[in-house]
C-alpha atoms as a PDB file:
ATOM      1  CA  ALA A   1       3.420  17.044  -1.413  1.00  0.00           C
ATOM      2  CA  LEU A   2       7.013  15.753  -3.893  1.00  0.00           C
ATOM      3  CA  MET A   3       9.184  16.989  -1.394  1.00  0.00           C
ATOM      4  CA  ALA A   4       7.169  15.955   1.863  1.00  0.00           C
ATOM      5  CA  PRO A   5       9.825  13.406   3.847  1.00  0.00           C
ATOM      6  CA  THR A   6       9.211   9.631   3.417  1.00  0.00           C
ATOM      7  CA  ARG A   7       6.936   7.956   6.225  1.00  0.00           C
ATOM      8  CA  ILE A   8       8.785   5.817   8.565  1.00  0.00           C
ATOM      9  CA  TYR A   9       6.592   2.540   9.382  1.00  0.00           C
ATOM     10  CA  VAL A  10       8.889   1.157  12.018  1.00  0.00           C
ATOM     11  CA  LYS A  11       7.196   2.139  14.954  1.00  0.00           C
ATOM     12  CA  PRO A  12       3.347   1.249  14.006  1.00  0.00           C
ATOM     13  CA  LEU A  13       4.577  -2.166  12.405  1.00  0.00           C
ATOM     14  CA  LEU A  14       6.223  -3.258  16.159  1.00  0.00           C
ATOM     15  CA  GLU A  15       3.093  -1.999  17.829  1.00  0.00           C
ATOM     16  CA  LEU A  16       1.050  -4.422  15.572  1.00  0.00           C
ATOM     17  CA  LEU A  17       3.185  -7.168  15.984  1.00  0.00           C
ATOM     18  CA  ARG A  18       3.237  -6.740  19.450  1.00  0.00           C
ATOM     19  CA  HIS A  19      -0.751  -7.857  19.400  1.00  0.00           C
ATOM     20  CA  ASP A  20      -1.916 -10.698  20.004  1.00  0.00           C
ATOM     21  CA  ASP A  21      -5.020 -10.038  17.904  1.00  0.00           C
ATOM     22  CA  TYR A  22      -3.020 -10.426  14.837  1.00  0.00           C
ATOM     23  CA  GLN A  23      -0.952 -13.128  12.949  1.00  0.00           C
ATOM     24  CA  VAL A  24       0.922 -10.953  10.554  1.00  0.00           C
ATOM     25  CA  HIS A  25       1.803 -13.210   7.910  1.00  0.00           C
ATOM     26  CA  ALA A  26       3.986 -10.617   5.617  1.00  0.00           C
ATOM     27  CA  LEU A  27       4.668  -6.905   5.426  1.00  0.00           C
ATOM     28  CA  SER A  28       4.955  -5.189   1.927  1.00  0.00           C
ATOM     29  CA  HIS A  29       6.444  -1.726   1.631  1.00  0.00           C
ATOM     30  CA  ILE A  30       5.152  -0.027  -1.984  1.00  0.00           C
ATOM     31  CA  THR A  31       7.477   1.437  -3.909  1.00  0.00           C
ATOM     32  CA  GLY A  32       8.702   1.141  -7.021  1.00  0.00           C
ATOM     33  CA  GLY A  33       6.358  -1.209  -8.785  1.00  0.00           C
ATOM     34  CA  GLY A  34       3.431   0.318  -7.161  1.00  0.00           C
ATOM     35  CA  LEU A  35       0.696  -1.939  -5.413  1.00  0.00           C
ATOM     36  CA  LEU A  36       0.155  -3.913  -8.398  1.00  0.00           C
ATOM     37  CA  GLU A  37       3.843  -5.554  -8.129  1.00  0.00           C
ATOM     38  CA  ASN A  38       5.045  -5.263  -4.658  1.00  0.00           C
ATOM     39  CA  LEU A  39       2.030  -6.640  -2.841  1.00  0.00           C
ATOM     40  CA  PRO A  40       2.343  -9.746  -4.399  1.00  0.00           C
ATOM     41  CA  ARG A  41       6.126 -10.869  -4.078  1.00  0.00           C
ATOM     42  CA  VAL A  42       4.781 -11.325   0.092  1.00  0.00           C
ATOM     43  CA  LEU A  43       1.831 -13.670  -1.161  1.00  0.00           C
ATOM     44  CA  PRO A  44       2.091 -17.396  -1.321  1.00  0.00           C
ATOM     45  CA  SER A  45       2.036 -19.089  -4.524  1.00  0.00           C
ATOM     46  CA  GLY A  46      -1.768 -19.876  -5.589  1.00  0.00           C
ATOM     47  CA  THR A  47      -2.857 -16.658  -3.269  1.00  0.00           C
ATOM     48  CA  ALA A  48      -3.586 -13.160  -4.465  1.00  0.00           C
ATOM     49  CA  ALA A  49      -4.934 -10.234  -2.993  1.00  0.00           C
ATOM     50  CA  ARG A  50      -7.961  -8.174  -3.790  1.00  0.00           C
ATOM     51  CA  ILE A  51      -7.077  -4.301  -4.152  1.00  0.00           C
ATOM     52  CA  GLU A  52     -10.322  -2.434  -4.049  1.00  0.00           C
ATOM     53  CA  ARG A  53      -9.455   0.923  -4.837  1.00  0.00           C
ATOM     54  CA  ASP A  54     -12.636   2.606  -3.744  1.00  0.00           C
ATOM     55  CA  ARG A  55     -11.280   2.054  -0.084  1.00  0.00           C
ATOM     56  CA  TRP A  56      -8.835   4.568   0.297  1.00  0.00           C
ATOM     57  CA  GLU A  57      -8.998   8.242  -0.497  1.00  0.00           C
ATOM     58  CA  LEU A  58      -6.194   8.951  -3.197  1.00  0.00           C
ATOM     59  CA  PRO A  59      -4.023  11.891  -2.046  1.00  0.00           C
ATOM     60  CA  PRO A  60      -4.619  15.020  -4.241  1.00  0.00           C
ATOM     61  CA  ILE A  61      -1.181  14.631  -5.857  1.00  0.00           C
ATOM     62  CA  PHE A  62      -1.783  11.579  -7.161  1.00  0.00           C
ATOM     63  CA  ASP A  63      -5.061  12.608  -8.739  1.00  0.00           C
ATOM     64  CA  PHE A  64      -3.398  15.331 -10.322  1.00  0.00           C
ATOM     65  CA  LEU A  65      -0.586  13.155 -11.791  1.00  0.00           C
ATOM     66  CA  ALA A  66      -3.589  10.808 -13.313  1.00  0.00           C
ATOM     67  CA  ARG A  67      -5.535  13.726 -14.907  1.00  0.00           C
ATOM     68  CA  ALA A  68      -2.429  15.932 -15.921  1.00  0.00           C
ATOM     69  CA  GLY A  69      -0.588  12.816 -17.510  1.00  0.00           C
ATOM     70  CA  ASP A  70      -4.209  10.748 -18.580  1.00  0.00           C
ATOM     71  CA  ILE A  71      -2.769   8.071 -16.795  1.00  0.00           C
ATOM     72  CA  PRO A  72      -5.202   4.755 -16.315  1.00  0.00           C
ATOM     73  CA  ASP A  73      -5.664   3.409 -12.505  1.00  0.00           C
ATOM     74  CA  GLU A  74      -4.250   0.339 -13.674  1.00  0.00           C
ATOM     75  CA  GLN A  75      -0.920   2.353 -14.271  1.00  0.00           C
ATOM     76  CA  MET A  76      -1.117   4.652 -11.675  1.00  0.00           C
ATOM     77  CA  LEU A  77      -1.448   1.023  -9.499  1.00  0.00           C
ATOM     78  CA  ARG A  78       1.192  -0.459 -11.331  1.00  0.00           C
ATOM     79  CA  THR A  79       3.682   2.548 -10.671  1.00  0.00           C
ATOM     80  CA  PHE A  80       3.104   4.620  -7.812  1.00  0.00           C
ATOM     81  CA  ASN A  81       2.205   3.854  -4.205  1.00  0.00           C
ATOM     82  CA  CYS A  82      -0.996   6.050  -4.632  1.00  0.00           C
ATOM     83  CA  GLY A  83      -0.962   7.233  -0.956  1.00  0.00           C
ATOM     84  CA  ILE A  84      -0.567   3.101   0.161  1.00  0.00           C
ATOM     85  CA  GLY A  85       2.807   3.078   1.573  1.00  0.00           C
ATOM     86  CA  MET A  86       2.540  -0.216   4.046  1.00  0.00           C
ATOM     87  CA  THR A  87       0.604  -3.296   3.610  1.00  0.00           C
ATOM     88  CA  VAL A  88       0.709  -6.232   6.254  1.00  0.00           C
ATOM     89  CA  VAL A  89      -1.126  -9.218   5.322  1.00  0.00           C
ATOM     90  CA  VAL A  90      -3.092 -10.473   8.290  1.00  0.00           C
ATOM     91  CA  GLY A  91      -4.771 -13.875   7.721  1.00  0.00           C
ATOM     92  CA  ASP A  92      -7.802 -13.166   4.841  1.00  0.00           C
ATOM     93  CA  SER A  93      -6.841  -9.621   5.734  1.00  0.00           C
ATOM     94  CA  VAL A  94      -4.928  -6.775   4.548  1.00  0.00           C
ATOM     95  CA  VAL A  95      -4.144  -3.877   7.135  1.00  0.00           C
ATOM     96  CA  VAL A  96      -3.364  -1.060   5.379  1.00  0.00           C
ATOM     97  CA  ILE A  97      -1.463   1.832   6.891  1.00  0.00           C
ATOM     98  CA  THR A  98      -1.830   5.226   4.663  1.00  0.00           C
ATOM     99  CA  GLN A  99       0.507   7.868   4.210  1.00  0.00           C
ATOM    100  CA  SER A 100      -1.370  10.301   6.232  1.00  0.00           C
ATOM    101  CA  SER A 101      -1.968   7.815   9.039  1.00  0.00           C
END
């Protein structure tokens, strides 16, 4: 799992940007710093994102790392992408493109 190639998001993002159904306000590639540090960087001042951890399945490698390292959820979200490689801010919503999509 650690040696799997990085997911490239260009094609699905270009497809999303072509749709008139969504007004894309921001994109955030979730890399070092995880969700808790990367997502706020693209949000306007005075706004926030709500991360609902139960809305996606944690890939097994991250579950293993959390258990083996006794790493709390908040630290996992601050350090790793936890299976969320890209977020797209669309109005009041966030469209999630997971690594397995």
